[in-house]
Amino acid sequence: MQPLVVVFTICLVPMAAGAQTPRPRPAPAPINSATPTAPAAEGMTNVDVIKMVKATLGEDVILSAIHNASQRHFDLSTDGLIQLKGAGVTDRIILVMQNDGSVLPVAPPLAISVPLPPKPVPAVAAGGNDVTQPHDPGIYVLASSKLVQLEPNVAASQGAGAGSMMKSGLTMGLKKVKAKASIRGPKATTRVDGNAEFYFYGSSFNPNEFVLVKLESNGESREMVTGEVGMLGFKNGIREEDQVKITATKLDGGIYKVVSAKSLKPNEYGFINAASGVSVLANGVRLWDFGVER
């Protein structure tokens, strides 16, 4: 039996000019867990701060973000500061950026003292019930530990009545003719006790120019004698028997304390400025009146 011979024919096909032999693809590099998959963070910059300001985040929120940032790369040059200010970044945020992220305490606003115009002070309230403190000009009485200002009244002059003149003529002047001035009302509004203390305030209220007068009440008004005409002639002014002796003590600041030399008896009284003159022909007399209760 003849052996079987197999013949293989290899045909070589010539490659076209310029053709390249394909190169094998490189094997993929092994994955290393230590290699980062994302670029490292660059830290907070001026741009980040400006973005937060443009987003209208609160100042405290932005300061906290700056303080907590792991890295800060701020451009704090002159141009950088101008850029920050132009973008609306507040001075406080810029100071923290300059201070390496440390939050600075908020300084309290400066207190500016603006003087207010003085308020009008009513009588007595200026010094309260302290008699040694200045008060509005006038005459005051200390009643029940309270300082009360006496209000002036005007006593209208009555002159000498026709009946009095007739009686004086019939008695050949032995009967004196009295000229009087009267105040409406049988009693004064202010009531005090017989040992009351009075205080005079102001240069126009010097007690040395005043007299304390006892008034006569007729049930409808209070009267005082301002002059007398008799056989011995004419006498003008307040009668001595109607005047009450007073004692004045000058305190600090031109304040005077005035008391009666003796305890005042229950009656109606009034202070009159004798320096201004009290005449039988006077149209009216100013009188600071009060009454002593029984």
Protein backbone atom coordinates (compact mmCIF):
# COMPACT_ATOMS: atom_id res chain seq x y z
CA MET A 1 0.00 0.00 0.00
CA GLN A 2 1.40 3.32 -1.03
CA PRO A 3 1.83 6.02 1.54
CA LEU A 4 -0.53 9.11 1.32
CA VAL A 5 1.31 12.32 0.70
CA VAL A 6 -0.52 15.65 1.44
CA VAL A 7 0.84 18.74 -0.17
CA PHE A 8 -0.05 22.22 1.24
CA THR A 9 0.34 25.16 -1.06
CA ILE A 10 0.92 28.56 0.59
CA CYS A 11 0.03 31.56 -1.51
CA LEU A 12 1.72 34.78 -0.50
CA VAL A 13 -0.29 37.87 -1.46
CA PRO A 14 1.87 40.95 -1.71
CA MET A 15 0.75 43.92 0.52
CA ALA A 16 -0.19 47.11 -1.06
CA ALA A 17 2.28 49.94 -0.80
CA GLY A 18 1.85 52.12 2.27
CA ALA A 19 -0.10 49.57 4.26
CA GLN A 20 0.95 49.19 7.93
CA THR A 21 0.92 46.16 10.08
CA PRO A 22 -1.70 46.66 12.89
CA ARG A 23 -0.17 47.04 16.32
CA PRO A 24 -1.51 45.16 19.29
CA ARG A 25 -3.55 47.22 21.86
CA PRO A 26 -1.80 47.80 25.19
CA ALA A 27 -3.20 45.98 28.14
CA PRO A 28 -5.27 48.20 30.52
CA ALA A 29 -3.32 49.53 33.45
CA PRO A 30 -4.17 47.95 36.74
CA ILE A 31 -6.50 49.99 38.95
CA ASN A 32 -4.71 51.52 41.96
CA SER A 33 -6.99 52.44 44.81
CA ALA A 34 -4.49 55.07 45.97
CA THR A 35 -4.86 57.06 42.76
CA PRO A 36 -7.48 59.93 43.14
CA THR A 37 -10.39 59.89 40.75
CA ALA A 38 -10.95 63.70 40.95
CA PRO A 39 -8.60 66.70 41.06
CA ALA A 40 -7.66 67.98 44.49
CA ALA A 41 -9.66 70.90 45.89
CA GLU A 42 -8.05 74.29 45.33
CA GLY A 43 -9.40 75.90 48.53
CA MET A 44 -11.64 78.97 49.00
CA THR A 45 -10.82 81.99 46.85
CA ASN A 46 -12.11 85.48 46.23
CA VAL A 47 -14.44 84.09 43.59
CA ASP A 48 -16.12 81.79 46.12
CA VAL A 49 -16.70 84.69 48.51
CA ILE A 50 -18.13 86.88 45.75
CA LYS A 51 -20.45 84.04 44.66
CA MET A 52 -21.82 83.72 48.19
CA VAL A 53 -22.35 87.47 48.41
CA LYS A 54 -24.14 87.53 45.04
CA ALA A 55 -26.34 84.67 46.30
CA THR A 56 -27.40 87.02 49.13
CA LEU A 57 -26.20 84.67 51.85
CA GLY A 58 -26.09 86.20 55.29
CA GLU A 59 -22.87 87.75 56.53
CA ASP A 60 -22.61 85.30 59.44
CA VAL A 61 -23.09 82.35 57.04
CA ILE A 62 -20.26 83.58 54.80
CA LEU A 63 -17.98 84.18 57.80
CA SER A 64 -18.65 80.66 59.05
CA ALA A 65 -17.83 79.20 55.61
CA ILE A 66 -14.54 81.11 55.51
CA HIS A 67 -13.67 80.04 59.04
CA ASN A 68 -14.42 76.34 58.33
CA ALA A 69 -12.66 76.17 54.95
CA SER A 70 -9.74 73.70 55.02
CA GLN A 71 -7.71 75.94 52.72
CA ARG A 72 -7.94 79.62 51.88
CA HIS A 73 -6.23 81.23 48.93
CA PHE A 74 -7.43 84.81 48.96
CA ASP A 75 -6.06 87.57 46.79
CA LEU A 76 -5.71 90.38 49.31
CA SER A 77 -3.63 92.66 47.17
CA THR A 78 -4.80 96.17 46.41
CA ASP A 79 -6.52 95.02 43.21
CA GLY A 80 -8.03 92.04 45.02
CA LEU A 81 -9.47 94.20 47.78
CA ILE A 82 -10.90 96.64 45.22
CA GLN A 83 -12.52 93.72 43.37
CA LEU A 84 -14.04 92.39 46.60
CA LYS A 85 -15.40 95.78 47.60
CA GLY A 86 -16.80 96.39 44.15
CA ALA A 87 -18.63 93.05 44.31
CA GLY A 88 -20.39 94.11 47.52
CA VAL A 89 -18.28 92.20 50.03
CA THR A 90 -18.60 93.91 53.43
CA ASP A 91 -15.64 95.27 55.37
CA ARG A 92 -16.23 92.74 58.14
CA ILE A 93 -15.92 89.81 55.70
CA ILE A 94 -12.76 91.32 54.20
CA LEU A 95 -11.26 91.71 57.68
CA VAL A 96 -11.90 88.03 58.41
CA MET A 97 -10.31 87.10 55.08
CA GLN A 98 -7.26 89.15 56.04
CA ASN A 99 -7.23 87.55 59.49
CA ASP A 100 -6.80 84.06 58.05
CA GLY A 101 -10.41 83.10 58.62
CA SER A 102 -10.64 84.02 62.32
CA VAL A 103 -14.03 85.53 63.05
CA LEU A 104 -13.62 88.94 64.64
CA PRO A 105 -15.95 90.15 67.40
CA VAL A 106 -18.55 92.66 66.38
CA ALA A 107 -17.69 96.09 67.78
CA PRO A 108 -20.65 97.84 69.38
CA PRO A 109 -21.78 100.97 67.56
CA LEU A 110 -20.44 104.22 68.89
CA ALA A 111 -22.90 105.92 71.22
CA ILE A 112 -23.39 109.49 70.11
CA SER A 113 -24.89 111.70 72.79
CA VAL A 114 -27.22 114.28 71.28
CA PRO A 115 -28.40 116.90 73.78
CA LEU A 116 -32.15 117.22 73.85
CA PRO A 117 -33.87 120.58 74.22
CA PRO A 118 -34.92 121.24 77.81
CA LYS A 119 -38.51 120.42 78.58
CA PRO A 120 -40.69 123.05 80.19
CA VAL A 121 -40.79 122.39 83.92
CA PRO A 122 -44.01 123.21 85.74
CA ALA A 123 -43.94 125.03 89.04
CA VAL A 124 -42.78 123.01 92.03
CA ALA A 125 -41.83 120.03 89.84
CA ALA A 126 -38.44 121.61 89.09
CA GLY A 127 -37.22 120.92 92.62
CA GLY A 128 -40.00 118.67 93.82
CA ASN A 129 -40.66 118.97 97.53
CA ASP A 130 -37.03 119.72 98.33
CA VAL A 131 -37.17 123.30 99.60
CA THR A 132 -33.41 123.79 99.08
CA GLN A 133 -33.66 123.24 95.30
CA PRO A 134 -34.48 126.06 92.84
CA HIS A 135 -38.11 126.52 91.86
CA ASP A 136 -40.02 128.86 89.63
CA PRO A 137 -40.23 132.39 91.12
CA GLY A 138 -43.02 132.75 93.65
CA ILE A 139 -44.18 132.12 97.20
CA TYR A 140 -44.61 128.52 98.37
CA VAL A 141 -45.89 126.91 101.54
CA LEU A 142 -44.81 123.55 102.94
CA ALA A 143 -48.09 121.81 103.78
CA SER A 144 -48.21 118.13 104.79
CA SER A 145 -44.62 117.65 103.55
CA LYS A 146 -45.60 118.97 100.12
CA LEU A 147 -44.49 122.25 98.61
CA VAL A 148 -47.49 124.17 97.26
CA GLN A 149 -47.24 127.39 95.30
CA LEU A 150 -49.53 130.25 96.37
CA GLU A 151 -51.39 131.82 93.47
CA PRO A 152 -51.73 135.64 93.52
CA ASN A 153 -55.12 137.33 93.68
CA VAL A 154 -56.04 140.96 93.08
CA ALA A 155 -57.76 142.88 95.85
CA ALA A 156 -60.00 145.52 94.32
CA SER A 157 -59.89 148.93 96.02
CA GLN A 158 -63.20 150.14 97.46
CA GLY A 159 -62.03 153.58 98.58
CA ALA A 160 -63.93 155.37 101.35
CA GLY A 161 -67.68 154.86 101.27
CA ALA A 162 -70.14 157.77 101.43
CA GLY A 163 -71.60 156.44 104.67
CA SER A 164 -68.21 156.46 106.37
CA MET A 165 -67.53 159.98 105.17
CA MET A 166 -70.85 161.15 106.59
CA LYS A 167 -70.17 159.54 109.97
CA SER A 168 -66.75 161.16 110.07
CA GLY A 169 -68.25 164.55 109.31
CA LEU A 170 -70.93 164.22 111.99
CA THR A 171 -68.32 163.31 114.60
CA MET A 172 -65.98 166.13 113.54
CA GLY A 173 -63.40 163.61 112.39
CA LEU A 174 -63.40 161.55 115.54
CA LYS A 175 -64.84 158.68 113.57
CA LYS A 176 -62.15 157.53 111.13
CA VAL A 177 -63.03 156.85 107.54
CA LYS A 178 -61.56 153.54 106.31
CA ALA A 179 -60.58 152.74 102.77
CA LYS A 180 -60.60 149.03 102.00
CA ALA A 181 -59.64 146.55 99.33
CA SER A 182 -61.52 143.27 99.01
CA ILE A 183 -60.94 139.82 97.55
CA ARG A 184 -63.78 137.72 96.22
CA GLY A 185 -64.67 134.64 98.23
CA PRO A 186 -64.84 134.16 101.98
CA LYS A 187 -61.88 131.74 102.11
CA ALA A 188 -58.59 131.10 100.33
CA THR A 189 -58.13 127.85 98.44
CA THR A 190 -54.84 126.95 100.17
CA ARG A 191 -55.31 125.87 103.81
CA VAL A 192 -52.41 125.45 106.26
CA ASP A 193 -51.80 125.14 109.99
CA GLY A 194 -50.61 127.90 112.30
CA ASN A 195 -46.94 126.83 112.17
CA ALA A 196 -46.62 126.60 108.39
CA GLU A 197 -43.30 127.34 106.69
CA PHE A 198 -43.19 129.60 103.64
CA TYR A 199 -40.44 129.75 101.00
CA PHE A 200 -39.69 132.66 98.68
CA TYR A 201 -37.94 131.93 95.33
CA GLY A 202 -36.64 134.45 92.82
CA SER A 203 -35.10 137.90 93.01
CA SER A 204 -38.50 139.58 92.75
CA PHE A 205 -39.71 137.75 95.85
CA ASN A 206 -37.58 139.15 98.65
CA PRO A 207 -39.49 138.74 101.93
CA ASN A 208 -37.99 141.99 103.22
CA GLU A 209 -40.27 143.78 100.74
CA PHE A 210 -43.39 141.87 101.76
CA VAL A 211 -45.79 142.12 104.68
CA LEU A 212 -48.13 139.44 105.99
CA VAL A 213 -51.63 140.85 106.43
CA LYS A 214 -54.56 139.54 108.42
CA LEU A 215 -57.80 139.80 106.45
CA GLU A 216 -61.34 140.34 107.68
CA SER A 217 -63.97 137.98 106.28
CA ASN A 218 -67.56 139.20 105.96
CA GLY A 219 -68.98 135.90 104.67
CA GLU A 220 -68.83 136.95 101.01
CA SER A 221 -65.35 138.39 100.60
CA ARG A 222 -62.13 139.13 102.46
CA GLU A 223 -61.16 142.71 103.16
CA MET A 224 -58.20 144.71 104.37
CA VAL A 225 -57.87 148.34 105.34
CA THR A 226 -55.62 150.29 102.98
CA GLY A 227 -55.98 153.77 104.51
CA GLU A 228 -57.73 155.92 107.14
CA VAL A 229 -58.89 159.55 107.29
CA GLY A 230 -59.59 161.19 110.66
CA MET A 231 -59.30 164.36 112.69
CA LEU A 232 -55.54 163.98 112.83
CA GLY A 233 -55.19 163.68 109.10
CA PHE A 234 -54.77 161.00 106.45
CA LYS A 235 -52.96 157.70 106.94
CA ASN A 236 -52.15 155.54 103.95
CA GLY A 237 -51.14 151.85 103.83
CA ILE A 238 -51.72 148.70 105.85
CA ARG A 239 -52.47 149.31 109.51
CA GLU A 240 -49.94 148.00 111.98
CA GLU A 241 -52.59 146.04 113.88
CA ASP A 242 -53.35 144.11 110.67
CA GLN A 243 -49.73 143.19 110.02
CA VAL A 244 -48.30 139.88 111.27
CA LYS A 245 -44.66 139.83 112.26
CA ILE A 246 -42.58 137.37 110.24
CA THR A 247 -39.00 136.09 110.40
CA ALA A 248 -37.03 135.47 107.19
CA THR A 249 -33.93 133.28 106.92
CA LYS A 250 -31.82 133.31 103.75
CA LEU A 251 -30.80 129.85 102.50
CA ASP A 252 -28.30 128.88 99.83
CA GLY A 253 -29.06 130.02 96.30
CA GLY A 254 -31.06 133.08 97.36
CA ILE A 255 -33.94 131.06 98.81
CA TYR A 256 -35.72 132.49 101.84
CA LYS A 257 -37.52 130.60 104.56
CA VAL A 258 -40.30 132.63 106.16
CA VAL A 259 -42.23 131.80 109.33
CA SER A 260 -44.57 133.74 111.58
CA ALA A 261 -43.01 135.02 114.80
CA LYS A 262 -45.97 133.47 116.61
CA SER A 263 -48.28 130.65 115.71
CA LEU A 264 -50.95 131.95 113.36
CA LYS A 265 -54.49 131.97 114.69
CA PRO A 266 -57.35 130.62 112.57
CA ASN A 267 -58.06 133.36 110.05
CA GLU A 268 -57.53 134.49 106.47
CA TYR A 269 -54.12 135.92 105.52
CA GLY A 270 -52.14 137.17 102.56
CA PHE A 271 -48.64 138.35 101.57
CA ILE A 272 -48.48 141.79 99.95
CA ASN A 273 -45.49 143.45 98.29
CA ALA A 274 -45.33 146.63 100.33
CA ALA A 275 -42.50 147.96 98.18
CA SER A 276 -44.93 148.36 95.28
CA GLY A 277 -47.08 150.60 97.43
CA VAL A 278 -50.54 150.09 98.89
CA SER A 279 -52.67 153.15 98.43
CA VAL A 280 -56.26 154.07 99.11
CA LEU A 281 -56.42 155.18 95.48
CA ALA A 282 -54.85 152.02 94.10
CA ASN A 283 -56.86 150.21 91.42
CA GLY A 284 -55.83 146.81 92.76
CA VAL A 285 -53.38 145.13 95.10
CA ARG A 286 -51.70 141.78 94.37
CA LEU A 287 -51.98 139.41 97.29
CA TRP A 288 -50.79 135.81 97.80
CA ASP A 289 -53.52 134.49 100.07
CA PHE A 290 -54.01 131.44 102.32
CA GLY A 291 -56.07 130.48 105.34
CA VAL A 292 -55.39 128.85 108.69
CA GLU A 293 -57.95 126.27 109.75
CA ARG A 294 -59.56 126.31 113.13
